[in-house]
C-alpha atoms as a PDB file:
ATOM      1  CA  MET A   1       0.231  18.449  -0.757  1.00  0.00           C
ATOM      2  CA  THR A   2       3.912  18.197  -1.738  1.00  0.00           C
ATOM      3  CA  SER A   3       5.470  14.957  -2.956  1.00  0.00           C
ATOM      4  CA  GLU A   4       7.229  14.607   0.399  1.00  0.00           C
ATOM      5  CA  GLU A   5       3.916  15.029   2.255  1.00  0.00           C
ATOM      6  CA  VAL A   6       2.340  12.425  -0.027  1.00  0.00           C
ATOM      7  CA  ARG A   7       5.139   9.970   0.802  1.00  0.00           C
ATOM      8  CA  ILE A   8       4.841  10.625   4.545  1.00  0.00           C
ATOM      9  CA  ASN A   9       1.079  10.105   4.462  1.00  0.00           C
ATOM     10  CA  VAL A  10       1.351   6.930   2.374  1.00  0.00           C
ATOM     11  CA  GLU A  11       3.826   5.588   4.947  1.00  0.00           C
ATOM     12  CA  LYS A  12       1.352   6.470   7.726  1.00  0.00           C
ATOM     13  CA  ALA A  13      -1.356   4.554   5.879  1.00  0.00           C
ATOM     14  CA  LEU A  14       0.922   1.533   5.510  1.00  0.00           C
ATOM     15  CA  ASP A  15       1.802   1.736   9.204  1.00  0.00           C
ATOM     16  CA  GLU A  16      -1.936   1.587   9.967  1.00  0.00           C
ATOM     17  CA  ILE A  17      -2.542  -1.551   7.898  1.00  0.00           C
ATOM     18  CA  ARG A  18       0.787  -3.312   8.555  1.00  0.00           C
ATOM     19  CA  PRO A  19      -0.261  -4.918  11.890  1.00  0.00           C
ATOM     20  CA  PHE A  20      -3.168  -6.681  10.161  1.00  0.00           C
ATOM     21  CA  LEU A  21      -0.859  -8.072   7.486  1.00  0.00           C
ATOM     22  CA  GLN A  22       1.761  -9.082  10.037  1.00  0.00           C
ATOM     23  CA  SER A  23      -0.804 -10.931  12.141  1.00  0.00           C
ATOM     24  CA  ASP A  24      -1.266 -13.256   9.156  1.00  0.00           C
ATOM     25  CA  GLY A  25       2.468 -13.633   8.537  1.00  0.00           C
ATOM     26  CA  GLY A  26       2.750 -10.974   5.838  1.00  0.00           C
ATOM     27  CA  ASP A  27       4.006  -7.443   5.393  1.00  0.00           C
ATOM     28  CA  ILE A  28       4.146  -4.631   2.856  1.00  0.00           C
ATOM     29  CA  SER A  29       6.811  -2.231   1.585  1.00  0.00           C
ATOM     30  CA  LEU A  30       6.477   1.019  -0.305  1.00  0.00           C
ATOM     31  CA  LEU A  31       8.491   0.851  -3.535  1.00  0.00           C
ATOM     32  CA  SER A  32       7.613   4.140  -5.215  1.00  0.00           C
ATOM     33  CA  ILE A  33       5.055   6.861  -5.821  1.00  0.00           C
ATOM     34  CA  GLU A  34       4.776   7.783  -9.496  1.00  0.00           C
ATOM     35  CA  ASP A  35       2.664   9.450 -12.176  1.00  0.00           C
ATOM     36  CA  ASN A  36       2.432  12.847 -10.545  1.00  0.00           C
ATOM     37  CA  ASP A  37       1.749  11.313  -7.108  1.00  0.00           C
ATOM     38  CA  THR A  38      -1.296   9.311  -8.275  1.00  0.00           C
ATOM     39  CA  LEU A  39       0.193   5.785  -8.488  1.00  0.00           C
ATOM     40  CA  VAL A  40       1.603   3.896  -5.512  1.00  0.00           C
ATOM     41  CA  LYS A  41       3.728   0.796  -6.075  1.00  0.00           C
ATOM     42  CA  VAL A  42       4.014  -1.563  -3.140  1.00  0.00           C
ATOM     43  CA  GLN A  43       5.356  -5.039  -2.576  1.00  0.00           C
ATOM     44  CA  LEU A  44       3.418  -7.577  -0.548  1.00  0.00           C
ATOM     45  CA  GLN A  45       5.745  -9.831   1.426  1.00  0.00           C
ATOM     46  CA  GLY A  46       5.766 -13.033   3.445  1.00  0.00           C
ATOM     47  CA  ALA A  47       2.483 -14.937   3.574  1.00  0.00           C
ATOM     48  CA  CYS A  48       0.811 -12.213   1.480  1.00  0.00           C
ATOM     49  CA  VAL A  49       2.787 -13.270  -1.605  1.00  0.00           C
ATOM     50  CA  GLY A  50       1.031 -16.591  -2.119  1.00  0.00           C
ATOM     51  CA  CYS A  51      -2.263 -15.699  -0.469  1.00  0.00           C
ATOM     52  CA  SER A  52      -5.344 -16.302  -2.596  1.00  0.00           C
ATOM     53  CA  VAL A  53      -7.015 -13.096  -1.368  1.00  0.00           C
ATOM     54  CA  ASN A  54      -4.040 -10.737  -1.743  1.00  0.00           C
ATOM     55  CA  GLN A  55      -5.739  -8.748  -4.536  1.00  0.00           C
ATOM     56  CA  MET A  56      -8.761  -8.202  -2.305  1.00  0.00           C
ATOM     57  CA  THR A  57      -6.430  -7.150   0.520  1.00  0.00           C
ATOM     58  CA  LEU A  58      -4.631  -4.796  -1.841  1.00  0.00           C
ATOM     59  CA  LYS A  59      -7.832  -3.096  -3.075  1.00  0.00           C
ATOM     60  CA  SER A  60     -10.097  -3.254  -0.003  1.00  0.00           C
ATOM     61  CA  GLY A  61      -7.464  -2.764   2.649  1.00  0.00           C
ATOM     62  CA  VAL A  62      -4.311  -1.145   1.369  1.00  0.00           C
ATOM     63  CA  GLU A  63      -5.696   1.067  -1.405  1.00  0.00           C
ATOM     64  CA  MET A  64      -8.668   2.233   0.662  1.00  0.00           C
ATOM     65  CA  THR A  65      -6.429   3.123   3.616  1.00  0.00           C
ATOM     66  CA  ILE A  66      -3.925   4.971   1.431  1.00  0.00           C
ATOM     67  CA  LYS A  67      -6.731   6.945  -0.250  1.00  0.00           C
ATOM     68  CA  LYS A  68      -8.037   7.920   3.197  1.00  0.00           C
ATOM     69  CA  TYR A  69      -4.669   9.580   3.902  1.00  0.00           C
ATOM     70  CA  VAL A  70      -3.993  10.820   0.354  1.00  0.00           C
ATOM     71  CA  PRO A  71      -7.214  11.247  -1.669  1.00  0.00           C
ATOM     72  CA  LYS A  72      -5.330  12.152  -4.874  1.00  0.00           C
ATOM     73  CA  ILE A  73      -3.942   8.596  -5.141  1.00  0.00           C
ATOM     74  CA  GLU A  74      -5.763   6.832  -7.986  1.00  0.00           C
ATOM     75  CA  ARG A  75      -4.193   3.361  -7.985  1.00  0.00           C
ATOM     76  CA  VAL A  76      -2.160   1.074  -5.778  1.00  0.00           C
ATOM     77  CA  VAL A  77      -0.392  -1.827  -7.485  1.00  0.00           C
ATOM     78  CA  ASN A  78       1.613  -4.732  -6.138  1.00  0.00           C
ATOM     79  CA  ILE A  79       4.966  -5.374  -7.799  1.00  0.00           C
ATOM     80  CA  SER A  80       6.004  -9.028  -7.490  1.00  0.00           C
ATOM     81  CA  VAL A  81       9.642 -10.015  -7.276  1.00  0.00           C
END
């Protein structure tokens, strides 16, 4: 899978999970894909920023969905502003 294909598939994964985040007043943006396409940096937005379960959402929801689309991804991290 090329870097461009990785990016496209990560975006597809985010599009799949975005409606769930938006239903709670949040959202997510892709910031970058680094470390030889194994690390995804995202930014949780809106209600997700101060949510007490955002780390669970990040690992159980976002990371799992991204890995379903791109198995070579090892980690997904949230970058706060």
